[in-house]
């Protein structure tokens, strides 16, 4: 068995037992998603608070509205019962969602809703977050 070597926050090597895990490089925050009981009210709230326009989502972005001008994007959709419909979620951009999901599990996290374009996970402590495939070209 090989020991995993990853770099910590300050560049130091970190061993994770016999699991081979590599960090997901350059994974900027790409979207913060807010589910809402009253989506129109929430849309107005975030638009006025942040001084941005939350427009209708484009094909492949799901239901609701989001900003398309600044990173990270801010999104609002109707609250539901699904894994991403109950809590606000930060989404991190990754080059390969499937590979990142393998890393999540190897590090002790869980995959709640798998996917190739986006996925919802929990970290080792149960906190939810999302992963989204980077847009082509960045």
C-alpha atoms as a PDB file:
ATOM      1  CA  UNK A   1       0.000   0.000   0.000  1.00  0.00           C
ATOM      2  CA  UNK A   2       1.125   3.543  -0.734  1.00  0.00           C
ATOM      3  CA  UNK A   3       0.661   6.480   1.552  1.00  0.00           C
ATOM      4  CA  UNK A   4      -1.070   9.517   0.151  1.00  0.00           C
ATOM      5  CA  UNK A   5       0.889  12.733  -0.051  1.00  0.00           C
ATOM      6  CA  UNK A   6      -1.016  15.957  -0.446  1.00  0.00           C
ATOM      7  CA  UNK A   7      -0.107  19.529   0.248  1.00  0.00           C
ATOM      8  CA  UNK A   8      -1.660  21.264   3.226  1.00  0.00           C
ATOM      9  CA  UNK A   9      -2.918  24.819   3.269  1.00  0.00           C
ATOM     10  CA  UNK A  10       0.618  26.149   3.672  1.00  0.00           C
ATOM     11  CA  UNK A  11       2.211  23.815   1.104  1.00  0.00           C
ATOM     12  CA  UNK A  12       3.314  21.149   3.565  1.00  0.00           C
ATOM     13  CA  UNK A  13       2.933  17.462   2.727  1.00  0.00           C
ATOM     14  CA  UNK A  14       0.040  15.638   4.392  1.00  0.00           C
ATOM     15  CA  UNK A  15      -0.184  11.842   4.628  1.00  0.00           C
ATOM     16  CA  UNK A  16      -3.579  10.179   4.676  1.00  0.00           C
ATOM     17  CA  UNK A  17      -2.844   6.615   5.689  1.00  0.00           C
ATOM     18  CA  UNK A  18      -2.904   4.218   2.752  1.00  0.00           C
ATOM     19  CA  UNK A  19      -5.322   6.227   0.604  1.00  0.00           C
ATOM     20  CA  UNK A  20      -3.953   7.965  -2.476  1.00  0.00           C
ATOM     21  CA  UNK A  21      -5.468  11.430  -2.564  1.00  0.00           C
ATOM     22  CA  UNK A  22      -4.380  14.445  -4.537  1.00  0.00           C
ATOM     23  CA  UNK A  23      -5.777  17.948  -3.998  1.00  0.00           C
ATOM     24  CA  UNK A  24      -8.213  19.435  -6.483  1.00  0.00           C
ATOM     25  CA  UNK A  25      -6.049  22.234  -7.901  1.00  0.00           C
ATOM     26  CA  UNK A  26      -7.372  25.762  -8.288  1.00  0.00           C
ATOM     27  CA  UNK A  27     -10.963  25.194  -7.190  1.00  0.00           C
ATOM     28  CA  UNK A  28     -12.378  28.693  -6.778  1.00  0.00           C
ATOM     29  CA  UNK A  29     -15.777  29.373  -5.300  1.00  0.00           C
ATOM     30  CA  UNK A  30     -18.047  29.503  -8.342  1.00  0.00           C
ATOM     31  CA  UNK A  31     -21.633  29.696  -7.004  1.00  0.00           C
ATOM     32  CA  UNK A  32     -23.480  30.275  -3.749  1.00  0.00           C
ATOM     33  CA  UNK A  33     -26.993  28.853  -3.984  1.00  0.00           C
ATOM     34  CA  UNK A  34     -29.902  29.951  -1.760  1.00  0.00           C
ATOM     35  CA  UNK A  35     -33.114  27.902  -1.631  1.00  0.00           C
ATOM     36  CA  UNK A  36     -36.165  29.989  -0.759  1.00  0.00           C
ATOM     37  CA  UNK A  37     -39.720  29.511   0.461  1.00  0.00           C
ATOM     38  CA  UNK A  38     -40.654  32.607  -1.551  1.00  0.00           C
ATOM     39  CA  UNK A  39     -38.211  32.685  -4.494  1.00  0.00           C
ATOM     40  CA  UNK A  40     -39.362  36.078  -5.808  1.00  0.00           C
ATOM     41  CA  UNK A  41     -38.895  37.662  -2.399  1.00  0.00           C
ATOM     42  CA  UNK A  42     -35.454  36.064  -2.032  1.00  0.00           C
ATOM     43  CA  UNK A  43     -34.517  37.175  -5.549  1.00  0.00           C
ATOM     44  CA  UNK A  44     -35.400  40.787  -4.680  1.00  0.00           C
ATOM     45  CA  UNK A  45     -33.551  40.532  -1.369  1.00  0.00           C
ATOM     46  CA  UNK A  46     -30.252  39.325  -2.880  1.00  0.00           C
ATOM     47  CA  UNK A  47     -30.490  41.618  -5.894  1.00  0.00           C
ATOM     48  CA  UNK A  48     -31.020  44.698  -3.747  1.00  0.00           C
ATOM     49  CA  UNK A  49     -28.538  43.696  -1.019  1.00  0.00           C
ATOM     50  CA  UNK A  50     -25.715  42.935  -3.475  1.00  0.00           C
ATOM     51  CA  UNK A  51     -26.692  45.448  -6.176  1.00  0.00           C
ATOM     52  CA  UNK A  52     -26.742  42.747  -8.855  1.00  0.00           C
ATOM     53  CA  UNK A  53     -29.253  41.338 -11.319  1.00  0.00           C
ATOM     54  CA  UNK A  54     -30.404  37.767 -10.828  1.00  0.00           C
ATOM     55  CA  UNK A  55     -31.623  36.720 -14.257  1.00  0.00           C
ATOM     56  CA  UNK A  56     -33.431  33.580 -15.335  1.00  0.00           C
ATOM     57  CA  UNK A  57     -31.104  30.629 -15.474  1.00  0.00           C
ATOM     58  CA  UNK A  58     -29.763  29.449 -18.792  1.00  0.00           C
ATOM     59  CA  UNK A  59     -30.012  25.892 -20.142  1.00  0.00           C
ATOM     60  CA  UNK A  60     -28.078  23.491 -17.927  1.00  0.00           C
ATOM     61  CA  UNK A  61     -28.086  25.797 -14.879  1.00  0.00           C
ATOM     62  CA  UNK A  62     -31.245  24.391 -13.295  1.00  0.00           C
ATOM     63  CA  UNK A  63     -34.382  26.192 -12.136  1.00  0.00           C
ATOM     64  CA  UNK A  64     -34.416  29.676 -10.660  1.00  0.00           C
ATOM     65  CA  UNK A  65     -32.276  32.765 -11.153  1.00  0.00           C
ATOM     66  CA  UNK A  66     -28.635  33.678 -10.785  1.00  0.00           C
ATOM     67  CA  UNK A  67     -26.115  36.378 -11.449  1.00  0.00           C
ATOM     68  CA  UNK A  68     -24.083  36.084 -14.625  1.00  0.00           C
ATOM     69  CA  UNK A  69     -21.758  39.020 -14.137  1.00  0.00           C
ATOM     70  CA  UNK A  70     -19.506  38.396 -11.174  1.00  0.00           C
ATOM     71  CA  UNK A  71     -17.803  35.462  -9.525  1.00  0.00           C
ATOM     72  CA  UNK A  72     -18.895  33.800  -7.465  1.00  0.00           C
ATOM     73  CA  UNK A  73     -22.381  33.696  -8.928  1.00  0.00           C
ATOM     74  CA  UNK A  74     -25.331  33.988  -6.537  1.00  0.00           C
ATOM     75  CA  UNK A  75     -28.349  31.786  -7.242  1.00  0.00           C
ATOM     76  CA  UNK A  76     -31.899  31.494  -5.890  1.00  0.00           C
ATOM     77  CA  UNK A  77     -34.409  28.694  -6.436  1.00  0.00           C
ATOM     78  CA  UNK A  78     -37.575  27.363  -4.809  1.00  0.00           C
ATOM     79  CA  UNK A  79     -36.925  25.354  -1.649  1.00  0.00           C
ATOM     80  CA  UNK A  80     -37.652  21.670  -2.090  1.00  0.00           C
ATOM     81  CA  UNK A  81     -36.863  18.306  -0.590  1.00  0.00           C
ATOM     82  CA  UNK A  82     -33.805  17.485  -2.675  1.00  0.00           C
ATOM     83  CA  UNK A  83     -30.199  17.449  -1.431  1.00  0.00           C
ATOM     84  CA  UNK A  84     -29.483  20.976  -2.632  1.00  0.00           C
ATOM     85  CA  UNK A  85     -32.897  22.400  -1.845  1.00  0.00           C
ATOM     86  CA  UNK A  86     -32.736  22.797   1.939  1.00  0.00           C
ATOM     87  CA  UNK A  87     -29.551  24.747   2.729  1.00  0.00           C
ATOM     88  CA  UNK A  88     -27.471  27.473   1.134  1.00  0.00           C
ATOM     89  CA  UNK A  89     -24.565  25.811  -0.629  1.00  0.00           C
ATOM     90  CA  UNK A  90     -21.197  27.028  -1.809  1.00  0.00           C
ATOM     91  CA  UNK A  91     -20.206  25.437  -5.122  1.00  0.00           C
ATOM     92  CA  UNK A  92     -16.539  25.035  -6.007  1.00  0.00           C
ATOM     93  CA  UNK A  93     -15.385  24.915  -9.635  1.00  0.00           C
ATOM     94  CA  UNK A  94     -13.343  21.813 -10.481  1.00  0.00           C
ATOM     95  CA  UNK A  95     -11.926  20.589 -13.788  1.00  0.00           C
ATOM     96  CA  UNK A  96     -13.357  17.053 -13.374  1.00  0.00           C
ATOM     97  CA  UNK A  97     -16.383  16.493 -11.109  1.00  0.00           C
ATOM     98  CA  UNK A  98     -16.139  12.687 -11.164  1.00  0.00           C
ATOM     99  CA  UNK A  99     -12.486  12.766 -10.111  1.00  0.00           C
ATOM    100  CA  UNK A 100     -13.274  15.327  -7.389  1.00  0.00           C
ATOM    101  CA  UNK A 101     -16.052  13.058  -6.063  1.00  0.00           C
ATOM    102  CA  UNK A 102     -13.533  10.252  -5.673  1.00  0.00           C
ATOM    103  CA  UNK A 103     -11.353  12.609  -3.655  1.00  0.00           C
ATOM    104  CA  UNK A 104     -14.274  13.693  -1.484  1.00  0.00           C
ATOM    105  CA  UNK A 105     -14.942  10.083  -0.537  1.00  0.00           C
ATOM    106  CA  UNK A 106     -11.266   9.241  -0.021  1.00  0.00           C
ATOM    107  CA  UNK A 107     -10.975  12.153   2.409  1.00  0.00           C
ATOM    108  CA  UNK A 108     -13.954  10.988   4.483  1.00  0.00           C
ATOM    109  CA  UNK A 109     -16.694  13.075   2.872  1.00  0.00           C
ATOM    110  CA  UNK A 110     -19.870  11.771   1.267  1.00  0.00           C
ATOM    111  CA  UNK A 111     -21.483  12.162  -2.125  1.00  0.00           C
ATOM    112  CA  UNK A 112     -25.158  13.066  -1.692  1.00  0.00           C
ATOM    113  CA  UNK A 113     -26.067  13.689  -5.336  1.00  0.00           C
ATOM    114  CA  UNK A 114     -23.480  12.495  -7.886  1.00  0.00           C
ATOM    115  CA  UNK A 115     -23.155  13.937 -11.343  1.00  0.00           C
ATOM    116  CA  UNK A 116     -20.706  14.801 -14.089  1.00  0.00           C
ATOM    117  CA  UNK A 117     -21.574  18.511 -14.491  1.00  0.00           C
ATOM    118  CA  UNK A 118     -22.359  19.209 -10.825  1.00  0.00           C
ATOM    119  CA  UNK A 119     -22.714  17.283  -7.591  1.00  0.00           C
ATOM    120  CA  UNK A 120     -23.668  17.801  -3.966  1.00  0.00           C
ATOM    121  CA  UNK A 121     -21.472  16.457  -1.187  1.00  0.00           C
ATOM    122  CA  UNK A 122     -20.836  16.711   2.526  1.00  0.00           C
ATOM    123  CA  UNK A 123     -17.424  17.174   4.055  1.00  0.00           C
ATOM    124  CA  UNK A 124     -15.928  14.950   6.758  1.00  0.00           C
ATOM    125  CA  UNK A 125     -18.036  16.795   9.356  1.00  0.00           C
ATOM    126  CA  UNK A 126     -21.342  16.617   7.473  1.00  0.00           C
ATOM    127  CA  UNK A 127     -21.370  20.189   6.106  1.00  0.00           C
ATOM    128  CA  UNK A 128     -22.914  20.333   2.624  1.00  0.00           C
ATOM    129  CA  UNK A 129     -21.228  21.854  -0.431  1.00  0.00           C
ATOM    130  CA  UNK A 130     -21.397  21.534  -4.200  1.00  0.00           C
ATOM    131  CA  UNK A 131     -18.932  20.881  -6.970  1.00  0.00           C
ATOM    132  CA  UNK A 132     -19.443  22.267 -10.468  1.00  0.00           C
ATOM    133  CA  UNK A 133     -17.519  21.536 -13.636  1.00  0.00           C
ATOM    134  CA  UNK A 134     -15.460  24.516 -14.735  1.00  0.00           C
ATOM    135  CA  UNK A 135     -16.673  26.309 -17.823  1.00  0.00           C
ATOM    136  CA  UNK A 136     -14.651  25.547 -20.947  1.00  0.00           C
ATOM    137  CA  UNK A 137     -11.740  27.943 -21.043  1.00  0.00           C
ATOM    138  CA  UNK A 138     -11.668  28.606 -17.309  1.00  0.00           C
END
